[in-house]
């Protein structure tokens, strides 16, 4: 996996914190959608970028279009400075 070439903005960092705090879910898809606290994320383009960059991933494989909890990858945890602080 590759990391994002640009510095993460505040929204992307907040999304990573939500994932790290166990508050986020992803759809199983090539362009996974993200929801936080059961609500759709307002910036799905950034969610797609985080997934493509290998910073977040689903915790398990589910059917296409189904939701599963999201987790940080090792790269995602490093992007947060190695902490899983609550969003």
C-alpha atoms as a PDB file:
ATOM      1  CA  UNK A   1       0.000   0.000   0.000  1.00  0.00           C
ATOM      2  CA  UNK A   2       1.092   3.551  -0.581  1.00  0.00           C
ATOM      3  CA  UNK A   3       0.636   6.508   1.690  1.00  0.00           C
ATOM      4  CA  UNK A   4      -0.962   9.783   0.687  1.00  0.00           C
ATOM      5  CA  UNK A   5       1.515  12.048  -1.071  1.00  0.00           C
ATOM      6  CA  UNK A   6       0.155  15.188   0.529  1.00  0.00           C
ATOM      7  CA  UNK A   7      -0.047  16.191   4.153  1.00  0.00           C
ATOM      8  CA  UNK A   8      -3.279  15.118   5.809  1.00  0.00           C
ATOM      9  CA  UNK A   9      -5.693  17.959   6.500  1.00  0.00           C
ATOM     10  CA  UNK A  10      -7.678  18.350   9.714  1.00  0.00           C
ATOM     11  CA  UNK A  11     -10.715  16.558   8.350  1.00  0.00           C
ATOM     12  CA  UNK A  12      -8.642  13.536   7.305  1.00  0.00           C
ATOM     13  CA  UNK A  13      -6.962  13.481  10.714  1.00  0.00           C
ATOM     14  CA  UNK A  14     -10.366  13.638  12.445  1.00  0.00           C
ATOM     15  CA  UNK A  15     -11.524  10.721  10.313  1.00  0.00           C
ATOM     16  CA  UNK A  16      -8.442   8.728  11.296  1.00  0.00           C
ATOM     17  CA  UNK A  17      -9.039   9.536  14.975  1.00  0.00           C
ATOM     18  CA  UNK A  18     -12.650   8.330  14.675  1.00  0.00           C
ATOM     19  CA  UNK A  19     -11.478   5.080  13.099  1.00  0.00           C
ATOM     20  CA  UNK A  20      -8.818   4.670  15.787  1.00  0.00           C
ATOM     21  CA  UNK A  21     -11.421   5.229  18.502  1.00  0.00           C
ATOM     22  CA  UNK A  22     -13.581   2.424  17.072  1.00  0.00           C
ATOM     23  CA  UNK A  23     -16.371   4.785  15.996  1.00  0.00           C
ATOM     24  CA  UNK A  24     -16.247   4.169  12.233  1.00  0.00           C
ATOM     25  CA  UNK A  25     -17.474   1.625   9.706  1.00  0.00           C
ATOM     26  CA  UNK A  26     -16.616   1.006   6.055  1.00  0.00           C
ATOM     27  CA  UNK A  27     -18.489  -0.607   3.220  1.00  0.00           C
ATOM     28  CA  UNK A  28     -16.871  -3.461   1.389  1.00  0.00           C
ATOM     29  CA  UNK A  29     -16.107  -1.878  -1.977  1.00  0.00           C
ATOM     30  CA  UNK A  30     -13.253  -0.781  -4.211  1.00  0.00           C
ATOM     31  CA  UNK A  31     -14.200   2.751  -3.084  1.00  0.00           C
ATOM     32  CA  UNK A  32     -15.409   2.135   0.491  1.00  0.00           C
ATOM     33  CA  UNK A  33     -17.790   4.600   2.089  1.00  0.00           C
ATOM     34  CA  UNK A  34     -17.270   5.646   5.690  1.00  0.00           C
ATOM     35  CA  UNK A  35     -19.712   6.390   8.445  1.00  0.00           C
ATOM     36  CA  UNK A  36     -18.916   7.643  11.941  1.00  0.00           C
ATOM     37  CA  UNK A  37     -21.218   7.063  14.886  1.00  0.00           C
ATOM     38  CA  UNK A  38     -23.709   5.544  12.430  1.00  0.00           C
ATOM     39  CA  UNK A  39     -23.859   8.669  10.248  1.00  0.00           C
ATOM     40  CA  UNK A  40     -22.483   8.955   6.706  1.00  0.00           C
ATOM     41  CA  UNK A  41     -19.224  10.865   6.544  1.00  0.00           C
ATOM     42  CA  UNK A  42     -19.578  14.274   4.880  1.00  0.00           C
ATOM     43  CA  UNK A  43     -16.408  13.808   2.802  1.00  0.00           C
ATOM     44  CA  UNK A  44     -16.487  10.440   1.078  1.00  0.00           C
ATOM     45  CA  UNK A  45     -13.726  11.529  -1.318  1.00  0.00           C
ATOM     46  CA  UNK A  46     -11.322  11.821   1.620  1.00  0.00           C
ATOM     47  CA  UNK A  47     -12.558   8.488   3.003  1.00  0.00           C
ATOM     48  CA  UNK A  48     -11.765   6.905  -0.370  1.00  0.00           C
ATOM     49  CA  UNK A  49      -8.296   8.497  -0.341  1.00  0.00           C
ATOM     50  CA  UNK A  50      -7.581   7.204   3.166  1.00  0.00           C
ATOM     51  CA  UNK A  51      -8.570   3.687   2.111  1.00  0.00           C
ATOM     52  CA  UNK A  52      -6.607   3.829  -1.173  1.00  0.00           C
ATOM     53  CA  UNK A  53      -3.565   5.130   0.708  1.00  0.00           C
ATOM     54  CA  UNK A  54      -3.733   2.129   3.026  1.00  0.00           C
ATOM     55  CA  UNK A  55      -4.391   4.171   6.174  1.00  0.00           C
ATOM     56  CA  UNK A  56      -7.754   2.549   7.011  1.00  0.00           C
ATOM     57  CA  UNK A  57      -9.304  -0.825   6.196  1.00  0.00           C
ATOM     58  CA  UNK A  58     -12.280  -2.998   7.122  1.00  0.00           C
ATOM     59  CA  UNK A  59     -11.677  -5.367  10.049  1.00  0.00           C
ATOM     60  CA  UNK A  60     -13.202  -8.282   8.128  1.00  0.00           C
ATOM     61  CA  UNK A  61     -14.327  -9.190   4.650  1.00  0.00           C
ATOM     62  CA  UNK A  62     -18.075  -8.882   4.113  1.00  0.00           C
ATOM     63  CA  UNK A  63     -20.313  -8.944   1.051  1.00  0.00           C
ATOM     64  CA  UNK A  64     -20.019  -6.026  -1.357  1.00  0.00           C
ATOM     65  CA  UNK A  65     -22.025  -3.077  -0.062  1.00  0.00           C
ATOM     66  CA  UNK A  66     -22.218  -4.416   3.496  1.00  0.00           C
ATOM     67  CA  UNK A  67     -20.844  -2.458   6.453  1.00  0.00           C
ATOM     68  CA  UNK A  68     -18.134  -3.602   8.858  1.00  0.00           C
ATOM     69  CA  UNK A  69     -16.078  -1.878  11.510  1.00  0.00           C
ATOM     70  CA  UNK A  70     -13.088   0.093  10.225  1.00  0.00           C
ATOM     71  CA  UNK A  71      -9.595  -0.027  11.674  1.00  0.00           C
ATOM     72  CA  UNK A  72      -6.336   1.817  11.254  1.00  0.00           C
ATOM     73  CA  UNK A  73      -3.474   0.152   9.477  1.00  0.00           C
ATOM     74  CA  UNK A  74       0.072   0.499  10.803  1.00  0.00           C
ATOM     75  CA  UNK A  75       0.492   3.417   8.369  1.00  0.00           C
ATOM     76  CA  UNK A  76      -2.715   5.022   9.643  1.00  0.00           C
ATOM     77  CA  UNK A  77      -1.519   4.732  13.223  1.00  0.00           C
ATOM     78  CA  UNK A  78       1.807   6.332  12.258  1.00  0.00           C
ATOM     79  CA  UNK A  79      -0.090   9.172  10.541  1.00  0.00           C
ATOM     80  CA  UNK A  80      -1.771   9.848  13.885  1.00  0.00           C
ATOM     81  CA  UNK A  81       1.577   9.969  15.598  1.00  0.00           C
ATOM     82  CA  UNK A  82       1.251   6.464  17.014  1.00  0.00           C
ATOM     83  CA  UNK A  83      -1.794   7.197  19.204  1.00  0.00           C
ATOM     84  CA  UNK A  84      -5.435   6.140  19.063  1.00  0.00           C
ATOM     85  CA  UNK A  85      -6.785   9.248  20.762  1.00  0.00           C
ATOM     86  CA  UNK A  86     -10.562   9.756  20.648  1.00  0.00           C
ATOM     87  CA  UNK A  87     -11.873  12.088  17.974  1.00  0.00           C
END
